Protein backbone atom coordinates (compact mmCIF):
# COMPACT_ATOMS: atom_id res chain seq x y z
CA MET A 1 -15.22 -4.09 20.58
CA ARG A 2 -16.47 -0.57 19.84
CA HIS A 3 -12.87 0.56 19.17
CA ARG A 4 -12.26 -2.38 16.82
CA LEU A 5 -15.48 -1.74 14.90
CA ALA A 6 -14.60 1.94 14.52
CA HIS A 7 -11.18 0.99 13.18
CA VAL A 8 -12.69 -1.42 10.66
CA LEU A 9 -15.03 1.25 9.31
CA ALA A 10 -12.39 4.00 9.23
CA PRO A 11 -9.92 4.25 6.33
CA HIS A 12 -6.32 3.49 7.16
CA SER A 13 -3.05 4.56 5.67
CA HIS A 14 -1.02 2.39 3.31
CA GLU A 15 1.85 4.85 3.14
CA SER A 16 5.17 3.12 3.59
CA VAL A 17 6.53 5.96 5.70
CA ASP A 18 3.79 5.20 8.21
CA LYS A 19 4.91 1.57 8.44
CA VAL A 20 8.16 2.34 10.25
CA ASP A 21 9.30 4.54 13.11
CA SER A 22 12.57 5.01 14.97
CA ALA A 23 11.72 2.34 17.54
CA MET A 24 11.20 -0.30 14.86
CA GLU A 25 14.05 0.88 12.66
CA THR A 26 16.55 0.43 15.49
CA SER A 27 15.06 -2.85 16.72
CA ARG A 28 16.11 -6.16 15.20
CA GLU A 29 12.99 -7.72 16.72
CA GLY A 30 10.76 -5.15 15.07
CA MET A 31 12.23 -5.74 11.62
CA ARG A 32 12.07 -9.51 12.10
CA THR A 33 8.38 -9.16 12.97
CA LEU A 34 7.75 -7.12 9.84
CA TRP A 35 9.40 -9.58 7.46
CA LEU A 36 7.95 -12.68 9.14
CA SER A 37 4.46 -11.24 8.92
CA LEU A 38 4.97 -10.46 5.24
CA VAL A 39 6.01 -14.07 4.66
CA ILE A 40 2.82 -15.27 6.36
CA LEU A 41 0.70 -12.97 4.20
CA GLY A 42 2.56 -14.21 1.13
CA LEU A 43 1.81 -17.84 1.99
CA THR A 44 -1.82 -16.92 2.62
CA THR A 45 -1.98 -15.34 -0.83
CA VAL A 46 -0.47 -18.44 -2.49
CA ILE A 47 -2.95 -20.78 -0.76
CA GLN A 48 -5.86 -18.61 -1.80
CA ALA A 49 -4.58 -18.44 -5.39
CA VAL A 50 -4.55 -22.24 -5.61
CA ILE A 51 -8.18 -22.40 -4.43
CA VAL A 52 -9.14 -19.68 -6.93
CA ALA A 53 -7.77 -21.84 -9.75
CA MET A 54 -9.76 -24.84 -8.46
CA SER A 55 -13.07 -23.11 -7.77
CA GLY A 56 -13.34 -20.15 -10.12
CA SER A 57 -14.56 -17.87 -7.32
CA VAL A 58 -14.11 -14.23 -8.28
CA ALA A 59 -14.80 -13.09 -4.72
CA LEU A 60 -11.86 -15.17 -3.52
CA LEU A 61 -9.83 -13.88 -6.47
CA GLY A 62 -10.51 -10.33 -5.30
CA ASP A 63 -9.48 -11.15 -1.74
CA THR A 64 -6.31 -12.84 -2.99
CA ILE A 65 -5.42 -9.77 -5.02
CA HIS A 66 -6.24 -7.55 -2.04
CA ASN A 67 -3.84 -9.45 0.23
CA ALA A 68 -1.18 -9.40 -2.48
CA ALA A 69 -1.65 -5.65 -2.99
CA ASP A 70 -1.23 -4.99 0.72
CA ALA A 71 1.97 -7.03 0.73
CA LEU A 72 3.24 -5.19 -2.36
CA THR A 73 2.88 -1.80 -0.66
CA ALA A 74 5.53 -2.93 1.86
CA LEU A 75 8.13 -3.57 -0.85
CA PRO A 76 9.37 0.05 -0.97
CA LEU A 77 10.10 -0.27 2.74
CA GLY A 78 12.27 -3.32 2.12
CA ILE A 79 14.03 -1.71 -0.83
CA ALA A 80 14.66 1.44 1.21
CA PHE A 81 16.27 -0.53 4.03
CA VAL A 82 18.39 -2.69 1.74
CA LEU A 83 19.62 0.12 -0.53
CA GLY A 84 19.61 2.67 2.29
CA ARG A 85 22.53 0.88 3.90
CA ARG A 86 24.69 1.77 0.90
CA ALA A 87 26.86 4.80 1.56
CA ALA A 88 26.36 7.99 -0.41
CA ASN A 89 28.96 8.65 -3.09
CA ARG A 90 29.90 11.33 -5.59
CA ARG A 91 27.36 10.09 -8.14
CA TYR A 92 24.59 9.68 -5.55
CA PRO A 93 25.51 12.30 -2.94
CA TYR A 94 22.14 11.97 -1.16
CA GLY A 95 22.29 8.19 -1.02
CA TYR A 96 19.84 5.68 -2.48
CA GLY A 97 16.61 6.53 -0.65
CA ARG A 98 14.89 7.55 -3.89
CA ALA A 99 14.86 3.90 -4.96
CA GLU A 100 11.73 3.60 -2.83
CA ASP A 101 9.92 6.08 -5.09
CA LEU A 102 10.89 4.13 -8.21
CA ALA A 103 9.59 0.92 -6.63
CA GLY A 104 6.43 2.78 -5.69
CA ILE A 105 5.69 3.58 -9.34
CA VAL A 106 5.98 -0.09 -10.28
CA ILE A 107 3.77 -1.10 -7.37
CA VAL A 108 1.05 1.43 -8.26
CA LEU A 109 0.96 0.09 -11.81
CA THR A 110 0.81 -3.50 -10.51
CA ILE A 111 -2.06 -2.73 -8.11
CA ALA A 112 -3.92 -0.87 -10.86
CA ALA A 113 -3.62 -3.89 -13.15
CA SER A 114 -4.78 -6.14 -10.30
CA ALA A 115 -7.82 -3.96 -9.64
CA ALA A 116 -8.69 -3.98 -13.34
CA LEU A 117 -8.41 -7.79 -13.43
CA ALA A 118 -10.61 -8.22 -10.35
CA ALA A 119 -13.22 -5.80 -11.70
CA HIS A 120 -13.24 -7.44 -15.14
CA GLU A 121 -13.68 -10.94 -13.73
CA SER A 122 -16.42 -9.84 -11.33
CA ILE A 123 -18.40 -7.97 -13.99
CA ASP A 124 -17.97 -10.82 -16.45
CA ARG A 125 -19.23 -13.30 -13.86
CA LEU A 126 -22.16 -11.00 -13.04
CA LEU A 127 -23.18 -10.84 -16.72
CA ASP A 128 -22.43 -14.49 -17.37
CA PRO A 129 -23.09 -16.43 -14.14
CA ARG A 130 -21.21 -19.70 -13.74
CA GLU A 131 -21.30 -22.31 -11.06
CA ILE A 132 -18.63 -22.16 -8.37
CA THR A 133 -17.11 -25.48 -7.49
CA HIS A 134 -15.40 -26.65 -4.30
CA LEU A 135 -17.44 -24.35 -2.08
CA TRP A 136 -15.91 -25.94 1.00
CA ALA A 137 -12.42 -25.07 -0.26
CA VAL A 138 -13.44 -21.46 -0.99
CA ALA A 139 -14.85 -21.14 2.52
CA ALA A 140 -11.67 -22.64 3.94
CA ALA A 141 -9.54 -20.20 1.92
CA ALA A 142 -11.58 -17.28 3.25
CA VAL A 143 -10.93 -18.50 6.78
CA VAL A 144 -7.24 -18.91 5.94
CA GLY A 145 -7.17 -15.29 4.79
CA PHE A 146 -8.77 -14.16 8.03
CA VAL A 147 -6.52 -16.31 10.21
CA GLY A 148 -3.39 -15.17 8.38
CA ASN A 149 -4.27 -11.50 8.79
CA GLU A 150 -5.33 -11.97 12.42
CA TRP A 151 -2.09 -13.81 13.26
CA VAL A 152 -0.09 -11.03 11.66
CA ALA A 153 -2.19 -8.45 13.52
CA ARG A 154 -1.61 -10.05 16.94
CA TYR A 155 2.10 -10.56 16.27
CA ARG A 156 2.67 -6.99 15.12
CA ILE A 157 0.62 -5.45 17.92
CA ARG A 158 2.35 -7.53 20.60
CA THR A 159 5.84 -6.77 19.31
CA GLY A 160 5.02 -3.13 18.69
CA ARG A 161 3.86 -2.62 22.25
CA ARG A 162 6.92 -4.43 23.60
CA ILE A 163 9.45 -2.31 21.70
CA GLY A 164 7.40 0.90 21.77
CA SER A 165 6.70 1.11 18.03
CA ALA A 166 3.46 2.95 17.32
CA ALA A 167 3.88 2.26 13.58
CA LEU A 168 4.02 -1.50 14.11
CA VAL A 169 0.94 -1.42 16.35
CA ALA A 170 -0.95 0.60 13.73
CA ASP A 171 0.07 -1.80 10.98
CA GLY A 172 -1.20 -4.67 13.12
CA LEU A 173 -4.58 -2.98 13.45
CA HIS A 174 -4.64 -2.52 9.68
CA ALA A 175 -3.99 -6.24 9.17
CA ARG A 176 -6.90 -7.00 11.49
CA THR A 177 -9.15 -4.81 9.35
CA ASP A 178 -8.05 -6.64 6.20
CA GLY A 179 -8.94 -9.95 7.85
CA PHE A 180 -12.59 -8.97 7.86
CA THR A 181 -12.36 -8.41 4.10
CA SER A 182 -11.37 -12.08 3.78
CA LEU A 183 -14.43 -13.12 5.79
CA ALA A 184 -16.63 -11.30 3.28
CA VAL A 185 -15.87 -14.12 0.83
CA LEU A 186 -18.03 -16.35 3.03
CA LEU A 187 -21.03 -14.27 1.98
CA GLY A 188 -20.41 -15.25 -1.62
CA VAL A 189 -20.06 -18.90 -0.60
CA GLY A 190 -23.33 -18.73 1.35
CA GLY A 191 -25.14 -17.15 -1.59
CA ALA A 192 -23.83 -19.79 -3.98
CA ALA A 193 -24.85 -22.55 -1.57
CA ILE A 194 -28.48 -21.40 -1.62
CA GLY A 195 -28.50 -20.95 -5.39
CA TRP A 196 -27.88 -17.19 -5.63
CA SER A 197 -25.29 -17.26 -8.40
CA ALA A 198 -24.70 -13.48 -8.43
CA ALA A 199 -23.53 -13.41 -4.80
CA ASP A 200 -19.94 -14.35 -5.63
CA ALA A 201 -19.64 -11.64 -8.30
CA ILE A 202 -21.17 -8.98 -6.03
CA VAL A 203 -18.75 -9.77 -3.24
CA GLY A 204 -15.94 -9.71 -5.82
CA LEU A 205 -16.95 -6.17 -6.80
CA LEU A 206 -17.02 -5.08 -3.16
CA ILE A 207 -13.52 -6.42 -2.62
CA THR A 208 -12.44 -4.68 -5.83
CA LEU A 209 -13.47 -1.43 -4.14
CA ALA A 210 -11.15 -2.32 -1.25
CA ILE A 211 -8.30 -2.83 -3.74
CA LEU A 212 -9.08 0.55 -5.28
CA MET A 213 -8.72 2.13 -1.83
CA VAL A 214 -5.26 0.58 -1.55
CA LEU A 215 -4.48 1.89 -5.04
CA LYS A 216 -5.67 5.39 -4.14
CA ASP A 217 -3.46 5.55 -1.04
CA ALA A 218 -0.42 4.13 -2.84
CA ALA A 219 -0.81 6.44 -5.85
CA ARG A 220 -1.27 9.48 -3.62
CA GLU A 221 1.88 8.60 -1.68
CA VAL A 222 3.98 8.11 -4.82
CA TYR A 223 2.69 11.36 -6.34
CA ARG A 224 3.46 13.33 -3.19
CA ARG A 225 6.94 11.84 -2.92
CA LEU A 226 7.75 12.60 -6.55
CA MET A 227 6.57 16.19 -5.98
CA ASP A 228 8.63 16.52 -2.74
CA SER A 229 5.51 17.03 -0.66
CA VAL A 230 5.67 17.18 3.14
CA ASP A 231 3.10 17.79 5.86
CA PRO A 232 2.80 21.59 6.33
CA GLU A 233 2.75 21.01 10.09
CA LEU A 234 6.37 19.86 9.84
CA ILE A 235 7.31 23.25 8.38
CA ASP A 236 5.41 24.99 11.19
CA THR A 237 7.23 22.86 13.77
CA ALA A 238 10.60 23.65 12.20
CA GLU A 239 9.95 27.40 12.13
CA ALA A 240 8.82 27.36 15.76
CA ALA A 241 11.96 25.44 16.76
CA LEU A 242 14.22 27.94 14.98
CA HIS A 243 12.58 30.89 16.72
CA GLU A 244 13.36 29.25 20.07
CA VAL A 245 17.11 29.22 19.38
CA ASP A 246 18.88 31.96 21.30
CA GLY A 247 20.41 34.38 18.80
CA VAL A 248 18.03 33.70 15.90
CA ARG A 249 16.28 36.99 15.17
CA ASP A 250 14.01 35.73 12.41
CA THR A 251 13.60 32.94 9.89
CA GLY A 252 13.48 32.93 6.13
CA GLN A 253 12.50 30.07 3.86
CA VAL A 254 12.30 26.58 5.34
CA ARG A 255 12.14 23.59 2.98
CA MET A 256 12.09 19.83 3.52
CA ARG A 257 12.01 16.71 1.41
CA TRP A 258 11.78 13.00 2.02
CA ILE A 259 14.70 10.79 0.98
CA GLY A 260 13.61 7.25 1.73
CA HIS A 261 12.31 7.27 5.30
CA SER A 262 14.32 10.28 6.41
CA LEU A 263 13.80 14.00 6.06
CA ARG A 264 16.38 16.57 5.00
CA ALA A 265 15.85 20.29 5.47
CA GLU A 266 17.15 23.64 4.25
CA ALA A 267 16.52 26.71 6.39
CA ASP A 268 17.43 30.41 6.38
CA ILE A 269 17.91 32.21 9.68
CA VAL A 270 18.53 35.91 10.39
CA VAL A 271 21.23 36.82 12.93
CA ASP A 272 22.93 39.95 14.28
CA PRO A 273 25.38 41.52 11.79
CA HIS A 274 28.22 41.90 14.28
CA LEU A 275 28.71 38.15 14.80
CA THR A 276 32.01 36.64 13.80
CA VAL A 277 32.18 33.81 11.31
CA VAL A 278 32.79 31.40 14.18
CA GLN A 279 29.81 32.68 16.16
CA ALA A 280 27.52 32.57 13.13
CA HIS A 281 28.62 29.02 12.43
CA GLN A 282 27.97 27.99 16.04
CA LEU A 283 24.50 29.50 15.79
CA SER A 284 23.75 27.62 12.56
CA VAL A 285 24.84 24.35 14.23
CA ALA A 286 22.57 25.10 17.19
CA ALA A 287 19.71 25.76 14.76
CA GLU A 288 20.33 22.46 12.97
CA LEU A 289 20.36 20.62 16.30
CA ALA A 290 17.08 22.26 17.30
CA LEU A 291 15.51 21.15 14.01
CA ILE A 292 16.68 17.56 14.41
CA HIS A 293 15.25 17.41 17.94
CA ALA A 294 11.93 19.04 16.98
CA VAL A 295 11.07 17.39 13.66
CA PRO A 296 10.49 13.61 13.66
CA ARG A 297 12.71 11.64 11.26
CA LEU A 298 14.78 14.69 10.30
CA THR A 299 18.39 13.53 9.97
CA ALA A 300 20.18 16.61 8.61
CA ALA A 301 19.62 20.26 7.81
CA THR A 302 21.55 22.88 5.89
CA VAL A 303 21.21 26.23 7.68
CA HIS A 304 22.00 29.45 5.83
CA THR A 305 22.66 32.59 7.91
CA ASP A 306 21.56 36.08 6.85
CA HIS A 307 22.22 39.21 8.89
CA ILE A 308 19.93 42.03 9.85
CA PRO A 309 20.63 44.73 7.22
CA HIS A 310 22.23 48.03 8.22
CA ARG A 311 20.89 51.28 6.85
CA GLY A 312 22.52 51.94 3.50
CA ASP A 313 23.91 48.41 3.14
CA GLU A 314 23.43 46.73 -0.19
CA ASP A 315 21.50 43.50 -0.23
CA PRO A 316 24.17 40.76 -0.26
CA HIS A 317 21.87 38.61 -2.38
CA ALA A 318 21.53 41.21 -5.13
CA LEU A 319 24.18 39.43 -7.19
CA LEU A 320 21.85 36.45 -7.46
CA ASP A 321 18.74 38.34 -8.54
CA HIS A 322 19.23 37.82 -12.26
CA HIS A 323 19.75 34.07 -11.67
CA THR A 324 16.66 33.57 -9.49
CA ALA A 325 14.18 35.85 -11.24
CA SER A 326 11.25 33.97 -12.72
């Protein structure tokens, strides 16, 4: 119970890259669990939307938008898997993984509009209180939201543990946290039942804050992807792996970028000058293999070999200086 409470109070990631790992990606059961759980959350959202139209509860409206926003953040994952199966070609030599980033922009704008709608309705209701009807239906919809999220949580956690997917287990815990947001709607129902008309609007504002947290995470992810951001620890891991390769004397620049849910890298290594072309190529292949084994989700790396300079030798890169000078 203490662990669950700590997880509820702690922020959790909505980044799509955190919603999948190699165990789930290679497991048909894991992907089936993901899509089935999204269907359940979609049905939960539809049921709640019908009750919102009947009752006029802005707290329930906020929770409905919150569930829809969480489901929307999974769309880039689906697009990445569908388009990612398409082979790279001469026009798209890196494949179609960037489609996820384009979908992310649309989703951020959609969530932002949803947050603005929830905030507007809650503030309007706070300034102009109105009676909420069908309180029993609003309470039932709140319970439906909790049950839907809890079912998804149990299903994801159980499957994730069975197939060894840490990402699926984590996403299940996140769904459990979101279920408690649905239960918050009951506070608005209780307040309305005892004649406190502002309770529904206040709860609506609190849930709007939850939507804004989803928006913050989604916007940060999209921004970082568009700017080719990666965790600096991945660069440290790559450099350490290169230094462990027998024959690598030093490393130069190491760069990485996300393409969909996979990483690609470019790395410079320094080798002995007396190596033959064949030996240098074998060393670069060994370096690429070391990177793939050391860095999670790295699928390919381009390794450039430089040699230790001899005294009096000209810098072989001097020809490029006037092209790279800033």
